[in-house]
């Protein structure tokens, strides 16, 4: 159920984010790219959503997303060490 929820919200984001950008937000490309890359869960969904908003958004969104993915392992190691020291 949790996986289905994540996929559903990511898929909705693929359609809603471009609409939000064009109708409501009007943010610069780099800001929308950071927002998109940081808040949509799957890399493929980030690429699809950002591609609908333009090349400038796509580049920043993909870099933001891949940075999040890259930093996940070091974060988990630090968290593990912290929790072991706490106990």
PDB file of N, CA and C in Angstrom:
ATOM      1  N   UNK A   1       0.825  -1.198   0.000  1.00  0.00           N
ATOM      2  CA  UNK A   1       0.000   0.000   0.000  1.00  0.00           C
ATOM      3  C   UNK A   1       0.872   1.267   0.000  1.00  0.00           C
ATOM      4  N   UNK A   2       1.959   1.241   0.764  1.00  0.00           N
ATOM      5  CA  UNK A   2       2.829   2.419   0.837  1.00  0.00           C
ATOM      6  C   UNK A   2       3.490   2.701  -0.508  1.00  0.00           C
ATOM      7  N   UNK A   3       3.920   1.647  -1.191  1.00  0.00           N
ATOM      8  CA  UNK A   3       4.562   1.823  -2.496  1.00  0.00           C
ATOM      9  C   UNK A   3       3.564   2.403  -3.490  1.00  0.00           C
ATOM     10  N   UNK A   4       2.337   1.903  -3.456  1.00  0.00           N
ATOM     11  CA  UNK A   4       1.302   2.414  -4.357  1.00  0.00           C
ATOM     12  C   UNK A   4       1.027   3.890  -4.098  1.00  0.00           C
ATOM     13  N   UNK A   5       1.040   4.290  -2.847  1.00  0.00           N
ATOM     14  CA  UNK A   5       0.810   5.694  -2.505  1.00  0.00           C
ATOM     15  C   UNK A   5       1.934   6.578  -3.036  1.00  0.00           C
ATOM     16  N   UNK A   6       3.175   6.125  -2.884  1.00  0.00           N
ATOM     17  CA  UNK A   6       4.322   6.896  -3.380  1.00  0.00           C
ATOM     18  C   UNK A   6       4.251   7.039  -4.893  1.00  0.00           C
ATOM     19  N   UNK A   7       3.938   5.945  -5.580  1.00  0.00           N
ATOM     20  CA  UNK A   7       3.835   5.982  -7.041  1.00  0.00           C
ATOM     21  C   UNK A   7       2.683   6.887  -7.470  1.00  0.00           C
ATOM     22  N   UNK A   8       1.557   6.802  -6.783  1.00  0.00           N
ATOM     23  CA  UNK A   8       0.397   7.635  -7.122  1.00  0.00           C
ATOM     24  C   UNK A   8       0.720   9.117  -6.976  1.00  0.00           C
ATOM     25  N   UNK A   9       1.315   9.502  -5.858  1.00  0.00           N
ATOM     26  CA  UNK A   9       1.626  10.918  -5.655  1.00  0.00           C
ATOM     27  C   UNK A   9       2.697  11.411  -6.621  1.00  0.00           C
ATOM     28  N   UNK A  10       3.655  10.565  -6.948  1.00  0.00           N
ATOM     29  CA  UNK A  10       4.658  10.939  -7.941  1.00  0.00           C
ATOM     30  C   UNK A  10       4.051  11.131  -9.315  1.00  0.00           C
ATOM     31  N   UNK A  11       3.133  10.244  -9.672  1.00  0.00           N
ATOM     32  CA  UNK A  11       2.454  10.356 -10.963  1.00  0.00           C
ATOM     33  C   UNK A  11       1.590  11.609 -11.009  1.00  0.00           C
ATOM     34  N   UNK A  12       0.894  11.893  -9.938  1.00  0.00           N
ATOM     35  CA  UNK A  12       0.114  13.137  -9.880  1.00  0.00           C
ATOM     36  C   UNK A  12       1.027  14.352 -10.004  1.00  0.00           C
ATOM     37  N   UNK A  13       2.178  14.298  -9.361  1.00  0.00           N
ATOM     38  CA  UNK A  13       3.136  15.398  -9.444  1.00  0.00           C
ATOM     39  C   UNK A  13       3.617  15.645 -10.860  1.00  0.00           C
ATOM     40  N   UNK A  14       3.729  14.575 -11.645  1.00  0.00           N
ATOM     41  CA  UNK A  14       4.163  14.721 -13.037  1.00  0.00           C
ATOM     42  C   UNK A  14       3.217  15.615 -13.828  1.00  0.00           C
ATOM     43  N   UNK A  15       1.952  15.604 -13.468  1.00  0.00           N
ATOM     44  CA  UNK A  15       0.960  16.408 -14.180  1.00  0.00           C
ATOM     45  C   UNK A  15       0.666  17.734 -13.479  1.00  0.00           C
ATOM     46  N   UNK A  16       0.699  17.723 -12.154  1.00  0.00           N
ATOM     47  CA  UNK A  16       0.326  18.920 -11.387  1.00  0.00           C
ATOM     48  C   UNK A  16       1.441  19.962 -11.362  1.00  0.00           C
ATOM     49  N   UNK A  17       2.705  19.546 -11.229  1.00  0.00           N
ATOM     50  CA  UNK A  17       3.806  20.508 -11.137  1.00  0.00           C
ATOM     51  C   UNK A  17       3.905  21.414 -12.367  1.00  0.00           C
ATOM     52  N   UNK A  18       3.830  20.872 -13.585  1.00  0.00           N
ATOM     53  CA  UNK A  18       3.864  21.780 -14.744  1.00  0.00           C
ATOM     54  C   UNK A  18       2.682  22.753 -14.773  1.00  0.00           C
ATOM     55  N   UNK A  19       1.516  22.284 -14.339  1.00  0.00           N
ATOM     56  CA  UNK A  19       0.359  23.184 -14.270  1.00  0.00           C
ATOM     57  C   UNK A  19       0.562  24.265 -13.216  1.00  0.00           C
ATOM     58  N   UNK A  20       1.069  23.881 -12.057  1.00  0.00           N
ATOM     59  CA  UNK A  20       1.346  24.867 -11.004  1.00  0.00           C
ATOM     60  C   UNK A  20       2.326  25.920 -11.495  1.00  0.00           C
ATOM     61  N   UNK A  21       3.366  25.470 -12.198  1.00  0.00           N
ATOM     62  CA  UNK A  21       4.394  26.395 -12.682  1.00  0.00           C
ATOM     63  C   UNK A  21       3.806  27.387 -13.673  1.00  0.00           C
ATOM     64  N   UNK A  22       3.006  26.903 -14.604  1.00  0.00           N
ATOM     65  CA  UNK A  22       2.512  27.791 -15.659  1.00  0.00           C
ATOM     66  C   UNK A  22       1.342  28.654 -15.201  1.00  0.00           C
ATOM     67  N   UNK A  23       0.525  28.162 -14.281  1.00  0.00           N
ATOM     68  CA  UNK A  23      -0.671  28.903 -13.892  1.00  0.00           C
ATOM     69  C   UNK A  23      -0.518  29.710 -12.606  1.00  0.00           C
ATOM     70  N   UNK A  24       0.273  29.220 -11.654  1.00  0.00           N
ATOM     71  CA  UNK A  24       0.303  29.856 -10.336  1.00  0.00           C
ATOM     72  C   UNK A  24       1.651  30.429  -9.924  1.00  0.00           C
ATOM     73  N   UNK A  25       2.694  29.634 -10.055  1.00  0.00           N
ATOM     74  CA  UNK A  25       3.956  29.984  -9.411  1.00  0.00           C
ATOM     75  C   UNK A  25       4.821  30.945 -10.213  1.00  0.00           C
ATOM     76  N   UNK A  26       5.049  30.641 -11.476  1.00  0.00           N
ATOM     77  CA  UNK A  26       5.924  31.450 -12.339  1.00  0.00           C
ATOM     78  C   UNK A  26       7.313  31.638 -11.727  1.00  0.00           C
ATOM     79  N   UNK A  27       7.828  30.581 -11.098  1.00  0.00           N
ATOM     80  CA  UNK A  27       9.161  30.615 -10.514  1.00  0.00           C
ATOM     81  C   UNK A  27      10.217  30.554 -11.609  1.00  0.00           C
ATOM     82  N   UNK A  28      11.418  31.061 -11.337  1.00  0.00           N
ATOM     83  CA  UNK A  28      12.524  30.877 -12.292  1.00  0.00           C
ATOM     84  C   UNK A  28      12.829  29.384 -12.458  1.00  0.00           C
ATOM     85  N   UNK A  29      13.440  29.040 -13.584  1.00  0.00           N
ATOM     86  CA  UNK A  29      13.707  27.634 -13.895  1.00  0.00           C
ATOM     87  C   UNK A  29      14.515  26.932 -12.812  1.00  0.00           C
ATOM     88  N   UNK A  30      15.551  27.584 -12.309  1.00  0.00           N
ATOM     89  CA  UNK A  30      16.398  26.915 -11.313  1.00  0.00           C
ATOM     90  C   UNK A  30      15.637  26.617 -10.025  1.00  0.00           C
ATOM     91  N   UNK A  31      14.755  27.512  -9.611  1.00  0.00           N
ATOM     92  CA  UNK A  31      13.994  27.298  -8.386  1.00  0.00           C
ATOM     93  C   UNK A  31      12.972  26.177  -8.566  1.00  0.00           C
ATOM     94  N   UNK A  32      12.298  26.171  -9.703  1.00  0.00           N
ATOM     95  CA  UNK A  32      11.331  25.103  -9.967  1.00  0.00           C
ATOM     96  C   UNK A  32      12.039  23.764 -10.114  1.00  0.00           C
ATOM     97  N   UNK A  33      13.240  23.777 -10.666  1.00  0.00           N
ATOM     98  CA  UNK A  33      14.015  22.547 -10.780  1.00  0.00           C
ATOM     99  C   UNK A  33      14.394  21.981  -9.426  1.00  0.00           C
ATOM    100  N   UNK A  34      14.825  22.842  -8.521  1.00  0.00           N
ATOM    101  CA  UNK A  34      15.174  22.399  -7.168  1.00  0.00           C
ATOM    102  C   UNK A  34      13.941  21.839  -6.467  1.00  0.00           C
ATOM    103  N   UNK A  35      12.836  22.542  -6.574  1.00  0.00           N
ATOM    104  CA  UNK A  35      11.585  22.097  -5.938  1.00  0.00           C
ATOM    105  C   UNK A  35      11.136  20.746  -6.491  1.00  0.00           C
ATOM    106  N   UNK A  36      11.172  20.614  -7.805  1.00  0.00           N
ATOM    107  CA  UNK A  36      10.732  19.371  -8.439  1.00  0.00           C
ATOM    108  C   UNK A  36      11.646  18.210  -8.064  1.00  0.00           C
ATOM    109  N   UNK A  37      12.946  18.421  -8.159  1.00  0.00           N
ATOM    110  CA  UNK A  37      13.898  17.358  -7.841  1.00  0.00           C
ATOM    111  C   UNK A  37      13.882  16.940  -6.382  1.00  0.00           C
ATOM    112  N   UNK A  38      13.555  17.872  -5.510  1.00  0.00           N
ATOM    113  CA  UNK A  38      13.575  17.578  -4.076  1.00  0.00           C
ATOM    114  C   UNK A  38      12.280  16.953  -3.573  1.00  0.00           C
ATOM    115  N   UNK A  39      11.177  17.125  -4.291  1.00  0.00           N
ATOM    116  CA  UNK A  39       9.896  16.694  -3.738  1.00  0.00           C
ATOM    117  C   UNK A  39       9.244  15.516  -4.442  1.00  0.00           C
ATOM    118  N   UNK A  40       9.589  15.242  -5.687  1.00  0.00           N
ATOM    119  CA  UNK A  40       9.032  14.065  -6.358  1.00  0.00           C
ATOM    120  C   UNK A  40       9.953  12.889  -6.067  1.00  0.00           C
ATOM    121  N   UNK A  41       9.372  11.729  -5.765  1.00  0.00           N
ATOM    122  CA  UNK A  41      10.143  10.607  -5.223  1.00  0.00           C
ATOM    123  C   UNK A  41      11.010   9.878  -6.242  1.00  0.00           C
ATOM    124  N   UNK A  42      10.491   9.530  -7.386  1.00  0.00           N
ATOM    125  CA  UNK A  42      11.230   8.694  -8.336  1.00  0.00           C
ATOM    126  C   UNK A  42      11.957   9.535  -9.381  1.00  0.00           C
ATOM    127  N   UNK A  43      13.139   9.081  -9.781  1.00  0.00           N
ATOM    128  CA  UNK A  43      13.954   9.812 -10.756  1.00  0.00           C
ATOM    129  C   UNK A  43      13.215   9.959 -12.081  1.00  0.00           C
ATOM    130  N   UNK A  44      12.584   8.892 -12.554  1.00  0.00           N
ATOM    131  CA  UNK A  44      11.871   8.949 -13.835  1.00  0.00           C
ATOM    132  C   UNK A  44      10.723   9.948 -13.789  1.00  0.00           C
ATOM    133  N   UNK A  45      10.049  10.030 -12.672  1.00  0.00           N
ATOM    134  CA  UNK A  45       8.956  10.991 -12.532  1.00  0.00           C
ATOM    135  C   UNK A  45       9.481  12.421 -12.486  1.00  0.00           C
ATOM    136  N   UNK A  46      10.636  12.620 -11.885  1.00  0.00           N
ATOM    137  CA  UNK A  46      11.268  13.944 -11.877  1.00  0.00           C
ATOM    138  C   UNK A  46      11.614  14.362 -13.297  1.00  0.00           C
ATOM    139  N   UNK A  47      12.180  13.435 -14.065  1.00  0.00           N
ATOM    140  CA  UNK A  47      12.541  13.740 -15.453  1.00  0.00           C
ATOM    141  C   UNK A  47      11.294  14.093 -16.256  1.00  0.00           C
ATOM    142  N   UNK A  48      10.234  13.319 -16.110  1.00  0.00           N
ATOM    143  CA  UNK A  48       9.007  13.573 -16.869  1.00  0.00           C
ATOM    144  C   UNK A  48       8.373  14.909 -16.492  1.00  0.00           C
ATOM    145  N   UNK A  49       8.264  15.179 -15.201  1.00  0.00           N
ATOM    146  CA  UNK A  49       7.635  16.424 -14.755  1.00  0.00           C
ATOM    147  C   UNK A  49       8.456  17.636 -15.168  1.00  0.00           C
ATOM    148  N   UNK A  50       9.760  17.562 -14.993  1.00  0.00           N
ATOM    149  CA  UNK A  50      10.604  18.718 -15.303  1.00  0.00           C
ATOM    150  C   UNK A  50      10.733  18.938 -16.805  1.00  0.00           C
ATOM    151  N   UNK A  51      10.716  17.865 -17.578  1.00  0.00           N
ATOM    152  CA  UNK A  51      10.799  17.996 -19.037  1.00  0.00           C
ATOM    153  C   UNK A  51       9.601  18.774 -19.578  1.00  0.00           C
ATOM    154  N   UNK A  52       8.460  18.619 -18.941  1.00  0.00           N
ATOM    155  CA  UNK A  52       7.263  19.350 -19.363  1.00  0.00           C
ATOM    156  C   UNK A  52       7.381  20.845 -19.086  1.00  0.00           C
ATOM    157  N   UNK A  53       8.338  21.237 -18.236  1.00  0.00           N
ATOM    158  CA  UNK A  53       8.510  22.650 -17.894  1.00  0.00           C
ATOM    159  C   UNK A  53       9.686  23.294 -18.606  1.00  0.00           C
ATOM    160  N   UNK A  54      10.480  22.507 -19.324  1.00  0.00           N
ATOM    161  CA  UNK A  54      11.567  23.085 -20.099  1.00  0.00           C
ATOM    162  C   UNK A  54      12.929  22.532 -19.741  1.00  0.00           C
ATOM    163  N   UNK A  55      13.887  22.797 -20.626  1.00  0.00           N
ATOM    164  CA  UNK A  55      15.248  22.282 -20.458  1.00  0.00           C
ATOM    165  C   UNK A  55      15.937  22.804 -19.208  1.00  0.00           C
ATOM    166  N   UNK A  56      15.725  24.081 -18.908  1.00  0.00           N
ATOM    167  CA  UNK A  56      16.365  24.678 -17.731  1.00  0.00           C
ATOM    168  C   UNK A  56      15.912  24.021 -16.444  1.00  0.00           C
ATOM    169  N   UNK A  57      14.638  23.713 -16.365  1.00  0.00           N
ATOM    170  CA  UNK A  57      14.099  23.045 -15.176  1.00  0.00           C
ATOM    171  C   UNK A  57      14.622  21.614 -15.099  1.00  0.00           C
ATOM    172  N   UNK A  58      14.673  20.937 -16.240  1.00  0.00           N
ATOM    173  CA  UNK A  58      15.084  19.531 -16.260  1.00  0.00           C
ATOM    174  C   UNK A  58      16.503  19.340 -15.739  1.00  0.00           C
ATOM    175  N   UNK A  59      17.432  20.154 -16.194  1.00  0.00           N
ATOM    176  CA  UNK A  59      18.818  20.017 -15.755  1.00  0.00           C
ATOM    177  C   UNK A  59      18.971  20.165 -14.259  1.00  0.00           C
ATOM    178  N   UNK A  60      18.362  21.192 -13.710  1.00  0.00           N
ATOM    179  CA  UNK A  60      18.475  21.440 -12.267  1.00  0.00           C
ATOM    180  C   UNK A  60      17.728  20.369 -11.479  1.00  0.00           C
ATOM    181  N   UNK A  61      16.563  19.957 -11.958  1.00  0.00           N
ATOM    182  CA  UNK A  61      15.769  18.946 -11.247  1.00  0.00           C
ATOM    183  C   UNK A  61      16.497  17.613 -11.178  1.00  0.00           C
ATOM    184  N   UNK A  62      17.095  17.199 -12.279  1.00  0.00           N
ATOM    185  CA  UNK A  62      17.802  15.915 -12.296  1.00  0.00           C
ATOM    186  C   UNK A  62      19.038  15.966 -11.395  1.00  0.00           C
ATOM    187  N   UNK A  63      19.776  17.055 -11.430  1.00  0.00           N
ATOM    188  CA  UNK A  63      20.944  17.184 -10.551  1.00  0.00           C
ATOM    189  C   UNK A  63      20.517  17.178  -9.085  1.00  0.00           C
ATOM    190  N   UNK A  64      19.443  17.881  -8.771  1.00  0.00           N
ATOM    191  CA  UNK A  64      18.932  17.902  -7.397  1.00  0.00           C
ATOM    192  C   UNK A  64      18.524  16.505  -6.955  1.00  0.00           C
ATOM    193  N   UNK A  65      17.798  15.799  -7.811  1.00  0.00           N
ATOM    194  CA  UNK A  65      17.332  14.456  -7.468  1.00  0.00           C
ATOM    195  C   UNK A  65      18.503  13.496  -7.280  1.00  0.00           C
ATOM    196  N   UNK A  66      19.452  13.521  -8.202  1.00  0.00           N
ATOM    197  CA  UNK A  66      20.588  12.606  -8.105  1.00  0.00           C
ATOM    198  C   UNK A  66      21.474  12.933  -6.902  1.00  0.00           C
ATOM    199  N   UNK A  67      21.543  14.200  -6.519  1.00  0.00           N
ATOM    200  CA  UNK A  67      22.279  14.578  -5.310  1.00  0.00           C
ATOM    201  C   UNK A  67      21.606  13.988  -4.080  1.00  0.00           C
ATOM    202  N   UNK A  68      20.280  14.051  -4.042  1.00  0.00           N
ATOM    203  CA  UNK A  68      19.541  13.431  -2.932  1.00  0.00           C
ATOM    204  C   UNK A  68      19.816  11.942  -2.854  1.00  0.00           C
ATOM    205  N   UNK A  69      19.780  11.278  -4.002  1.00  0.00           N
ATOM    206  CA  UNK A  69      20.016   9.831  -4.041  1.00  0.00           C
ATOM    207  C   UNK A  69      21.445   9.516  -3.605  1.00  0.00           C
ATOM    208  N   UNK A  70      22.404  10.297  -4.091  1.00  0.00           N
ATOM    209  CA  UNK A  70      23.811  10.077  -3.765  1.00  0.00           C
ATOM    210  C   UNK A  70      24.084  10.248  -2.271  1.00  0.00           C
ATOM    211  N   UNK A  71      23.417  11.186  -1.635  1.00  0.00           N
ATOM    212  CA  UNK A  71      23.659  11.465  -0.217  1.00  0.00           C
ATOM    213  C   UNK A  71      22.887  10.550   0.727  1.00  0.00           C
ATOM    214  N   UNK A  72      22.034   9.684   0.174  1.00  0.00           N
ATOM    215  CA  UNK A  72      21.244   8.799   1.024  1.00  0.00           C
ATOM    216  C   UNK A  72      22.120   7.805   1.794  1.00  0.00           C
ATOM    217  N   UNK A  73      23.061   7.161   1.140  1.00  0.00           N
ATOM    218  CA  UNK A  73      23.920   6.172   1.812  1.00  0.00           C
ATOM    219  C   UNK A  73      24.779   6.805   2.912  1.00  0.00           C
ATOM    220  N   UNK A  74      25.479   7.921   2.648  1.00  0.00           N
ATOM    221  CA  UNK A  74      26.244   8.540   3.744  1.00  0.00           C
ATOM    222  C   UNK A  74      25.360   8.969   4.917  1.00  0.00           C
ATOM    223  N   UNK A  75      24.171   9.453   4.620  1.00  0.00           N
ATOM    224  CA  UNK A  75      23.257   9.846   5.689  1.00  0.00           C
ATOM    225  C   UNK A  75      22.880   8.646   6.552  1.00  0.00           C
ATOM    226  N   UNK A  76      22.594   7.522   5.921  1.00  0.00           N
ATOM    227  CA  UNK A  76      22.222   6.329   6.679  1.00  0.00           C
ATOM    228  C   UNK A  76      23.379   5.811   7.527  1.00  0.00           C
ATOM    229  N   UNK A  77      24.594   5.924   7.029  1.00  0.00           N
ATOM    230  CA  UNK A  77      25.766   5.515   7.813  1.00  0.00           C
ATOM    231  C   UNK A  77      25.920   6.411   9.038  1.00  0.00           C
ATOM    232  N   UNK A  78      25.821   7.711   8.844  1.00  0.00           N
ATOM    233  CA  UNK A  78      25.926   8.656   9.965  1.00  0.00           C
ATOM    234  C   UNK A  78      24.799   8.423  10.961  1.00  0.00           C
ATOM    235  N   UNK A  79      23.597   8.200  10.479  1.00  0.00           N
ATOM    236  CA  UNK A  79      22.465   7.933  11.366  1.00  0.00           C
ATOM    237  C   UNK A  79      22.683   6.654  12.163  1.00  0.00           C
ATOM    238  N   UNK A  80      23.193   5.623  11.519  1.00  0.00           N
ATOM    239  CA  UNK A  80      23.467   4.358  12.196  1.00  0.00           C
ATOM    240  C   UNK A  80      24.497   4.538  13.309  1.00  0.00           C
ATOM    241  N   UNK A  81      25.578   5.252  13.020  1.00  0.00           N
ATOM    242  CA  UNK A  81      26.611   5.506  14.034  1.00  0.00           C
ATOM    243  C   UNK A  81      26.025   6.312  15.186  1.00  0.00           C
ATOM    244  N   UNK A  82      25.247   7.313  14.876  1.00  0.00           N
ATOM    245  CA  UNK A  82      24.628   8.149  15.904  1.00  0.00           C
ATOM    246  C   UNK A  82      23.714   7.326  16.810  1.00  0.00           C
ATOM    247  N   UNK A  83      22.894   6.471  16.213  1.00  0.00           N
ATOM    248  CA  UNK A  83      21.965   5.668  17.009  1.00  0.00           C
ATOM    249  C   UNK A  83      22.696   4.612  17.839  1.00  0.00           C
ATOM    250  N   UNK A  84      23.797   4.070  17.326  1.00  0.00           N
ATOM    251  CA  UNK A  84      24.572   3.096  18.100  1.00  0.00           C
ATOM    252  C   UNK A  84      25.238   3.757  19.297  1.00  0.00           C
ATOM    253  N   UNK A  85      25.721   4.961  19.122  1.00  0.00           N
ATOM    254  CA  UNK A  85      26.348   5.684  20.243  1.00  0.00           C
ATOM    255  C   UNK A  85      25.315   6.062  21.294  1.00  0.00           C
ATOM    256  N   UNK A  86      24.118   6.346  20.856  1.00  0.00           N
ATOM    257  CA  UNK A  86      23.051   6.735  21.774  1.00  0.00           C
ATOM    258  C   UNK A  86      22.668   5.566  22.680  1.00  0.00           C
ATOM    259  N   UNK A  87      22.704   4.364  22.141  1.00  0.00           N
ATOM    260  CA  UNK A  87      22.346   3.175  22.929  1.00  0.00           C
ATOM    261  C   UNK A  87      23.559   2.705  23.665  1.00  0.00           C
TER     262      UNK A  87
END
